[in-house]
């Protein structure tokens, strides 16, 4: 779906960013939107960002293996 920028100030901002980044206006708008979304994502506390991953890992079946020094030494190839 096309995006039509009808606000002259917004159009000038997009053009200015495009010129600085040596991109098309479309690419400049994409970069700006991605950067803003990334910035907003970083405002979410780490605990909340990690929660979906923790829930997914907790669903894995228990193996009964103990992750002790011997286990990690074996993983790294140390005797």
PDB file of N, CA and C in Angstrom:
ATOM      1  N   UNK A   1       0.846  -1.160   0.000  1.00  0.00           N
ATOM      2  CA  UNK A   1       0.000   0.000   0.000  1.00  0.00           C
ATOM      3  C   UNK A   1       0.901   1.237   0.000  1.00  0.00           C
ATOM      4  N   UNK A   2       0.694   2.145  -0.899  1.00  0.00           N
ATOM      5  CA  UNK A   2       1.542   3.329  -0.995  1.00  0.00           C
ATOM      6  C   UNK A   2       1.295   4.297   0.159  1.00  0.00           C
ATOM      7  N   UNK A   3       2.328   5.033   0.460  1.00  0.00           N
ATOM      8  CA  UNK A   3       2.256   6.063   1.482  1.00  0.00           C
ATOM      9  C   UNK A   3       2.439   7.404   0.792  1.00  0.00           C
ATOM     10  N   UNK A   4       1.456   8.243   0.909  1.00  0.00           N
ATOM     11  CA  UNK A   4       1.542   9.578   0.316  1.00  0.00           C
ATOM     12  C   UNK A   4       1.785  10.586   1.420  1.00  0.00           C
ATOM     13  N   UNK A   5       2.893  11.299   1.319  1.00  0.00           N
ATOM     14  CA  UNK A   5       3.209  12.329   2.304  1.00  0.00           C
ATOM     15  C   UNK A   5       2.712  13.653   1.750  1.00  0.00           C
ATOM     16  N   UNK A   6       1.685  14.179   2.382  1.00  0.00           N
ATOM     17  CA  UNK A   6       1.079  15.414   1.893  1.00  0.00           C
ATOM     18  C   UNK A   6       1.483  16.621   2.723  1.00  0.00           C
ATOM     19  N   UNK A   7       2.137  16.394   3.827  1.00  0.00           N
ATOM     20  CA  UNK A   7       2.580  17.486   4.676  1.00  0.00           C
ATOM     21  C   UNK A   7       3.942  17.951   4.179  1.00  0.00           C
ATOM     22  N   UNK A   8       4.053  19.211   3.807  1.00  0.00           N
ATOM     23  CA  UNK A   8       5.289  19.722   3.211  1.00  0.00           C
ATOM     24  C   UNK A   8       6.471  19.628   4.163  1.00  0.00           C
ATOM     25  N   UNK A   9       6.242  19.908   5.440  1.00  0.00           N
ATOM     26  CA  UNK A   9       7.339  19.822   6.409  1.00  0.00           C
ATOM     27  C   UNK A   9       7.862  18.377   6.521  1.00  0.00           C
ATOM     28  N   UNK A  10       6.950  17.428   6.590  1.00  0.00           N
ATOM     29  CA  UNK A  10       7.348  16.017   6.667  1.00  0.00           C
ATOM     30  C   UNK A  10       8.071  15.620   5.381  1.00  0.00           C
ATOM     31  N   UNK A  11       7.603  16.086   4.267  1.00  0.00           N
ATOM     32  CA  UNK A  11       8.250  15.805   2.984  1.00  0.00           C
ATOM     33  C   UNK A  11       9.682  16.363   2.976  1.00  0.00           C
ATOM     34  N   UNK A  12       9.858  17.576   3.505  1.00  0.00           N
ATOM     35  CA  UNK A  12      11.190  18.182   3.565  1.00  0.00           C
ATOM     36  C   UNK A  12      12.110  17.408   4.511  1.00  0.00           C
ATOM     37  N   UNK A  13      11.552  16.948   5.631  1.00  0.00           N
ATOM     38  CA  UNK A  13      12.348  16.141   6.559  1.00  0.00           C
ATOM     39  C   UNK A  13      12.809  14.845   5.894  1.00  0.00           C
ATOM     40  N   UNK A  14      11.898  14.196   5.181  1.00  0.00           N
ATOM     41  CA  UNK A  14      12.242  12.959   4.482  1.00  0.00           C
ATOM     42  C   UNK A  14      13.304  13.217   3.421  1.00  0.00           C
ATOM     43  N   UNK A  15      13.174  14.309   2.716  1.00  0.00           N
ATOM     44  CA  UNK A  15      14.148  14.654   1.682  1.00  0.00           C
ATOM     45  C   UNK A  15      15.514  14.970   2.298  1.00  0.00           C
ATOM     46  N   UNK A  16      15.504  15.688   3.405  1.00  0.00           N
ATOM     47  CA  UNK A  16      16.748  16.024   4.091  1.00  0.00           C
ATOM     48  C   UNK A  16      17.464  14.765   4.586  1.00  0.00           C
ATOM     49  N   UNK A  17      16.713  13.861   5.186  1.00  0.00           N
ATOM     50  CA  UNK A  17      17.304  12.606   5.661  1.00  0.00           C
ATOM     51  C   UNK A  17      17.811  11.771   4.495  1.00  0.00           C
ATOM     52  N   UNK A  18      17.045  11.734   3.433  1.00  0.00           N
ATOM     53  CA  UNK A  18      17.458  10.979   2.248  1.00  0.00           C
ATOM     54  C   UNK A  18      18.764  11.514   1.693  1.00  0.00           C
ATOM     55  N   UNK A  19      18.887  12.828   1.637  1.00  0.00           N
ATOM     56  CA  UNK A  19      20.119  13.436   1.129  1.00  0.00           C
ATOM     57  C   UNK A  19      21.310  13.112   2.017  1.00  0.00           C
ATOM     58  N   UNK A  20      21.121  13.204   3.321  1.00  0.00           N
ATOM     59  CA  UNK A  20      22.225  12.924   4.246  1.00  0.00           C
ATOM     60  C   UNK A  20      22.668  11.467   4.183  1.00  0.00           C
ATOM     61  N   UNK A  21      21.699  10.569   4.033  1.00  0.00           N
ATOM     62  CA  UNK A  21      22.012   9.138   4.002  1.00  0.00           C
ATOM     63  C   UNK A  21      22.292   8.625   2.593  1.00  0.00           C
ATOM     64  N   UNK A  22      22.122   9.515   1.611  1.00  0.00           N
ATOM     65  CA  UNK A  22      22.271   9.149   0.199  1.00  0.00           C
ATOM     66  C   UNK A  22      21.348   7.970  -0.160  1.00  0.00           C
ATOM     67  N   UNK A  23      20.084   8.156   0.191  1.00  0.00           N
ATOM     68  CA  UNK A  23      19.051   7.164  -0.078  1.00  0.00           C
ATOM     69  C   UNK A  23      17.901   7.837  -0.811  1.00  0.00           C
ATOM     70  N   UNK A  24      16.979   7.012  -1.274  1.00  0.00           N
ATOM     71  CA  UNK A  24      15.736   7.566  -1.800  1.00  0.00           C
ATOM     72  C   UNK A  24      14.893   8.016  -0.607  1.00  0.00           C
ATOM     73  N   UNK A  25      13.899   8.848  -0.869  1.00  0.00           N
ATOM     74  CA  UNK A  25      13.016   9.270   0.216  1.00  0.00           C
ATOM     75  C   UNK A  25      12.300   8.066   0.829  1.00  0.00           C
ATOM     76  N   UNK A  26      11.917   7.127  -0.008  1.00  0.00           N
ATOM     77  CA  UNK A  26      11.239   5.931   0.499  1.00  0.00           C
ATOM     78  C   UNK A  26      12.132   5.171   1.465  1.00  0.00           C
ATOM     79  N   UNK A  27      13.396   4.984   1.081  1.00  0.00           N
ATOM     80  CA  UNK A  27      14.336   4.279   1.950  1.00  0.00           C
ATOM     81  C   UNK A  27      14.595   5.086   3.216  1.00  0.00           C
ATOM     82  N   UNK A  28      14.671   6.388   3.115  1.00  0.00           N
ATOM     83  CA  UNK A  28      14.894   7.234   4.283  1.00  0.00           C
ATOM     84  C   UNK A  28      13.731   7.114   5.264  1.00  0.00           C
ATOM     85  N   UNK A  29      12.519   7.099   4.745  1.00  0.00           N
ATOM     86  CA  UNK A  29      11.344   6.938   5.606  1.00  0.00           C
ATOM     87  C   UNK A  29      11.376   5.568   6.268  1.00  0.00           C
ATOM     88  N   UNK A  30      11.740   4.525   5.512  1.00  0.00           N
ATOM     89  CA  UNK A  30      11.835   3.169   6.076  1.00  0.00           C
ATOM     90  C   UNK A  30      12.850   3.134   7.206  1.00  0.00           C
ATOM     91  N   UNK A  31      14.040   3.708   6.964  1.00  0.00           N
ATOM     92  CA  UNK A  31      15.095   3.732   7.981  1.00  0.00           C
ATOM     93  C   UNK A  31      14.621   4.490   9.218  1.00  0.00           C
ATOM     94  N   UNK A  32      14.005   5.634   9.017  1.00  0.00           N
ATOM     95  CA  UNK A  32      13.533   6.436  10.149  1.00  0.00           C
ATOM     96  C   UNK A  32      12.491   5.678  10.966  1.00  0.00           C
ATOM     97  N   UNK A  33      11.564   5.029  10.287  1.00  0.00           N
ATOM     98  CA  UNK A  33      10.532   4.270  11.000  1.00  0.00           C
ATOM     99  C   UNK A  33      11.127   3.083  11.740  1.00  0.00           C
ATOM    100  N   UNK A  34      12.046   2.352  11.104  1.00  0.00           N
ATOM    101  CA  UNK A  34      12.694   1.216  11.774  1.00  0.00           C
ATOM    102  C   UNK A  34      13.481   1.678  12.997  1.00  0.00           C
ATOM    103  N   UNK A  35      14.194   2.793  12.857  1.00  0.00           N
ATOM    104  CA  UNK A  35      14.969   3.309  13.985  1.00  0.00           C
ATOM    105  C   UNK A  35      14.067   3.728  15.142  1.00  0.00           C
ATOM    106  N   UNK A  36      12.962   4.351  14.832  1.00  0.00           N
ATOM    107  CA  UNK A  36      12.043   4.784  15.888  1.00  0.00           C
ATOM    108  C   UNK A  36      11.415   3.580  16.584  1.00  0.00           C
ATOM    109  N   UNK A  37      11.038   2.561  15.813  1.00  0.00           N
ATOM    110  CA  UNK A  37      10.482   1.349  16.423  1.00  0.00           C
ATOM    111  C   UNK A  37      11.523   0.664  17.303  1.00  0.00           C
ATOM    112  N   UNK A  38      12.761   0.621  16.838  1.00  0.00           N
ATOM    113  CA  UNK A  38      13.843   0.027  17.624  1.00  0.00           C
ATOM    114  C   UNK A  38      14.055   0.822  18.920  1.00  0.00           C
ATOM    115  N   UNK A  39      14.017   2.143  18.835  1.00  0.00           N
ATOM    116  CA  UNK A  39      14.175   2.980  20.016  1.00  0.00           C
ATOM    117  C   UNK A  39      13.053   2.721  21.020  1.00  0.00           C
ATOM    118  N   UNK A  40      11.838   2.599  20.527  1.00  0.00           N
ATOM    119  CA  UNK A  40      10.704   2.316  21.413  1.00  0.00           C
ATOM    120  C   UNK A  40      10.834   0.937  22.052  1.00  0.00           C
ATOM    121  N   UNK A  41      11.302  -0.042  21.284  1.00  0.00           N
ATOM    122  CA  UNK A  41      11.501  -1.387  21.832  1.00  0.00           C
ATOM    123  C   UNK A  41      12.494  -1.367  22.990  1.00  0.00           C
ATOM    124  N   UNK A  42      13.527  -0.522  22.873  1.00  0.00           N
ATOM    125  CA  UNK A  42      14.538  -0.458  23.932  1.00  0.00           C
ATOM    126  C   UNK A  42      13.995   0.169  25.216  1.00  0.00           C
ATOM    127  N   UNK A  43      12.868   0.863  25.149  1.00  0.00           N
ATOM    128  CA  UNK A  43      12.293   1.450  26.357  1.00  0.00           C
ATOM    129  C   UNK A  43      11.533   0.407  27.177  1.00  0.00           C
ATOM    130  N   UNK A  44      11.244  -0.745  26.583  1.00  0.00           N
ATOM    131  CA  UNK A  44      10.572  -1.821  27.301  1.00  0.00           C
ATOM    132  C   UNK A  44      11.611  -2.472  28.212  1.00  0.00           C
ATOM    133  N   UNK A  45      11.310  -2.613  29.496  1.00  0.00           N
ATOM    134  CA  UNK A  45      12.290  -3.210  30.404  1.00  0.00           C
ATOM    135  C   UNK A  45      12.748  -4.589  29.928  1.00  0.00           C
ATOM    136  N   UNK A  46      14.024  -4.862  30.159  1.00  0.00           N
ATOM    137  CA  UNK A  46      14.616  -6.125  29.725  1.00  0.00           C
ATOM    138  C   UNK A  46      13.815  -7.316  30.226  1.00  0.00           C
ATOM    139  N   UNK A  47      13.342  -7.251  31.455  1.00  0.00           N
ATOM    140  CA  UNK A  47      12.561  -8.350  32.033  1.00  0.00           C
ATOM    141  C   UNK A  47      11.347  -8.674  31.164  1.00  0.00           C
ATOM    142  N   UNK A  48      10.666  -7.637  30.684  1.00  0.00           N
ATOM    143  CA  UNK A  48       9.482  -7.854  29.851  1.00  0.00           C
ATOM    144  C   UNK A  48       9.866  -8.354  28.457  1.00  0.00           C
ATOM    145  N   UNK A  49      11.001  -7.858  27.925  1.00  0.00           N
ATOM    146  CA  UNK A  49      11.434  -8.321  26.601  1.00  0.00           C
ATOM    147  C   UNK A  49      11.851  -9.776  26.631  1.00  0.00           C
ATOM    148  N   UNK A  50      12.400 -10.224  27.775  1.00  0.00           N
ATOM    149  CA  UNK A  50      12.870 -11.602  27.880  1.00  0.00           C
ATOM    150  C   UNK A  50      11.762 -12.591  28.248  1.00  0.00           C
ATOM    151  N   UNK A  51      10.657 -12.091  28.776  1.00  0.00           N
ATOM    152  CA  UNK A  51       9.584 -12.973  29.239  1.00  0.00           C
ATOM    153  C   UNK A  51       9.128 -13.990  28.179  1.00  0.00           C
ATOM    154  N   UNK A  52       8.871 -13.606  26.925  1.00  0.00           N
ATOM    155  CA  UNK A  52       8.449 -14.617  25.936  1.00  0.00           C
ATOM    156  C   UNK A  52       9.505 -15.711  25.733  1.00  0.00           C
ATOM    157  N   UNK A  53      10.763 -15.334  25.754  1.00  0.00           N
ATOM    158  CA  UNK A  53      11.832 -16.323  25.608  1.00  0.00           C
ATOM    159  C   UNK A  53      11.860 -17.252  26.814  1.00  0.00           C
ATOM    160  N   UNK A  54      11.743 -16.706  28.008  1.00  0.00           N
ATOM    161  CA  UNK A  54      11.747 -17.529  29.213  1.00  0.00           C
ATOM    162  C   UNK A  54      10.580 -18.508  29.205  1.00  0.00           C
ATOM    163  N   UNK A  55       9.413 -18.044  28.800  1.00  0.00           N
ATOM    164  CA  UNK A  55       8.244 -18.918  28.752  1.00  0.00           C
ATOM    165  C   UNK A  55       8.440 -20.042  27.745  1.00  0.00           C
ATOM    166  N   UNK A  56       9.056 -19.716  26.607  1.00  0.00           N
ATOM    167  CA  UNK A  56       9.309 -20.742  25.593  1.00  0.00           C
ATOM    168  C   UNK A  56      10.302 -21.780  26.106  1.00  0.00           C
ATOM    169  N   UNK A  57      11.351 -21.332  26.775  1.00  0.00           N
ATOM    170  CA  UNK A  57      12.360 -22.256  27.294  1.00  0.00           C
ATOM    171  C   UNK A  57      11.769 -23.133  28.392  1.00  0.00           C
ATOM    172  N   UNK A  58      10.906 -22.574  29.228  1.00  0.00           N
ATOM    173  CA  UNK A  58      10.309 -23.347  30.314  1.00  0.00           C
ATOM    174  C   UNK A  58       9.416 -24.479  29.804  1.00  0.00           C
ATOM    175  N   UNK A  59       8.961 -24.379  28.560  1.00  0.00           N
ATOM    176  CA  UNK A  59       8.121 -25.430  27.980  1.00  0.00           C
ATOM    177  C   UNK A  59       8.937 -26.637  27.517  1.00  0.00           C
ATOM    178  N   UNK A  60      10.264 -26.469  27.397  1.00  0.00           N
ATOM    179  CA  UNK A  60      11.095 -27.586  26.966  1.00  0.00           C
ATOM    180  C   UNK A  60      11.090 -28.668  28.044  1.00  0.00           C
ATOM    181  N   UNK A  61      11.140 -29.937  27.631  1.00  0.00           N
ATOM    182  CA  UNK A  61      11.158 -31.014  28.639  1.00  0.00           C
ATOM    183  C   UNK A  61      12.484 -31.020  29.399  1.00  0.00           C
ATOM    184  N   UNK A  62      12.411 -31.397  30.669  1.00  0.00           N
ATOM    185  CA  UNK A  62      13.613 -31.491  31.496  1.00  0.00           C
ATOM    186  C   UNK A  62      14.430 -32.705  31.042  1.00  0.00           C
ATOM    187  N   UNK A  63      15.755 -32.541  30.990  1.00  0.00           N
ATOM    188  CA  UNK A  63      16.631 -33.622  30.535  1.00  0.00           C
ATOM    189  C   UNK A  63      17.201 -34.434  31.686  1.00  0.00           C
ATOM    190  N   UNK A  64      17.195 -33.850  32.868  1.00  0.00           N
ATOM    191  CA  UNK A  64      17.781 -34.537  34.009  1.00  0.00           C
ATOM    192  C   UNK A  64      19.281 -34.317  34.108  1.00  0.00           C
ATOM    193  N   UNK A  65      19.868 -33.667  33.101  1.00  0.00           N
ATOM    194  CA  UNK A  65      21.301 -33.400  33.136  1.00  0.00           C
ATOM    195  C   UNK A  65      21.588 -32.231  34.067  1.00  0.00           C
ATOM    196  N   UNK A  66      22.732 -32.304  34.745  1.00  0.00           N
ATOM    197  CA  UNK A  66      23.137 -31.224  35.630  1.00  0.00           C
ATOM    198  C   UNK A  66      24.161 -30.363  34.911  1.00  0.00           C
ATOM    199  N   UNK A  67      23.909 -29.058  34.868  1.00  0.00           N
ATOM    200  CA  UNK A  67      24.826 -28.132  34.211  1.00  0.00           C
ATOM    201  C   UNK A  67      25.852 -27.662  35.237  1.00  0.00           C
ATOM    202  N   UNK A  68      26.807 -28.538  35.528  1.00  0.00           N
ATOM    203  CA  UNK A  68      27.855 -28.204  36.485  1.00  0.00           C
ATOM    204  C   UNK A  68      29.165 -27.954  35.741  1.00  0.00           C
ATOM    205  N   UNK A  69      30.266 -27.796  36.469  1.00  0.00           N
ATOM    206  CA  UNK A  69      31.560 -27.508  35.857  1.00  0.00           C
ATOM    207  C   UNK A  69      31.947 -28.596  34.864  1.00  0.00           C
ATOM    208  N   UNK A  70      31.738 -29.833  35.227  1.00  0.00           N
ATOM    209  CA  UNK A  70      32.083 -30.945  34.331  1.00  0.00           C
ATOM    210  C   UNK A  70      31.303 -30.851  33.016  1.00  0.00           C
ATOM    211  N   UNK A  71      30.045 -30.498  33.084  1.00  0.00           N
ATOM    212  CA  UNK A  71      29.205 -30.356  31.899  1.00  0.00           C
ATOM    213  C   UNK A  71      29.770 -29.279  30.964  1.00  0.00           C
ATOM    214  N   UNK A  72      30.097 -28.109  31.536  1.00  0.00           N
ATOM    215  CA  UNK A  72      30.605 -27.008  30.712  1.00  0.00           C
ATOM    216  C   UNK A  72      32.029 -27.294  30.200  1.00  0.00           C
ATOM    217  N   UNK A  73      32.841 -27.970  31.007  1.00  0.00           N
ATOM    218  CA  UNK A  73      34.168 -28.374  30.539  1.00  0.00           C
ATOM    219  C   UNK A  73      34.038 -29.294  29.329  1.00  0.00           C
ATOM    220  N   UNK A  74      33.093 -30.222  29.392  1.00  0.00           N
ATOM    221  CA  UNK A  74      32.869 -31.151  28.281  1.00  0.00           C
ATOM    222  C   UNK A  74      32.421 -30.391  27.028  1.00  0.00           C
ATOM    223  N   UNK A  75      31.540 -29.399  27.200  1.00  0.00           N
ATOM    224  CA  UNK A  75      31.087 -28.594  26.057  1.00  0.00           C
ATOM    225  C   UNK A  75      32.231 -27.856  25.395  1.00  0.00           C
ATOM    226  N   UNK A  76      33.160 -27.336  26.204  1.00  0.00           N
ATOM    227  CA  UNK A  76      34.257 -26.541  25.661  1.00  0.00           C
ATOM    228  C   UNK A  76      35.444 -27.392  25.258  1.00  0.00           C
ATOM    229  N   UNK A  77      35.370 -28.708  25.471  1.00  0.00           N
ATOM    230  CA  UNK A  77      36.454 -29.598  25.067  1.00  0.00           C
ATOM    231  C   UNK A  77      37.600 -29.651  26.050  1.00  0.00           C
ATOM    232  N   UNK A  78      37.405 -29.102  27.228  1.00  0.00           N
ATOM    233  CA  UNK A  78      38.453 -29.144  28.251  1.00  0.00           C
ATOM    234  C   UNK A  78      38.386 -30.454  29.000  1.00  0.00           C
ATOM    235  N   UNK A  79      39.553 -30.957  29.419  1.00  0.00           N
ATOM    236  CA  UNK A  79      39.560 -32.242  30.160  1.00  0.00           C
ATOM    237  C   UNK A  79      38.998 -32.113  31.560  1.00  0.00           C
TER     238      UNK A  79
END
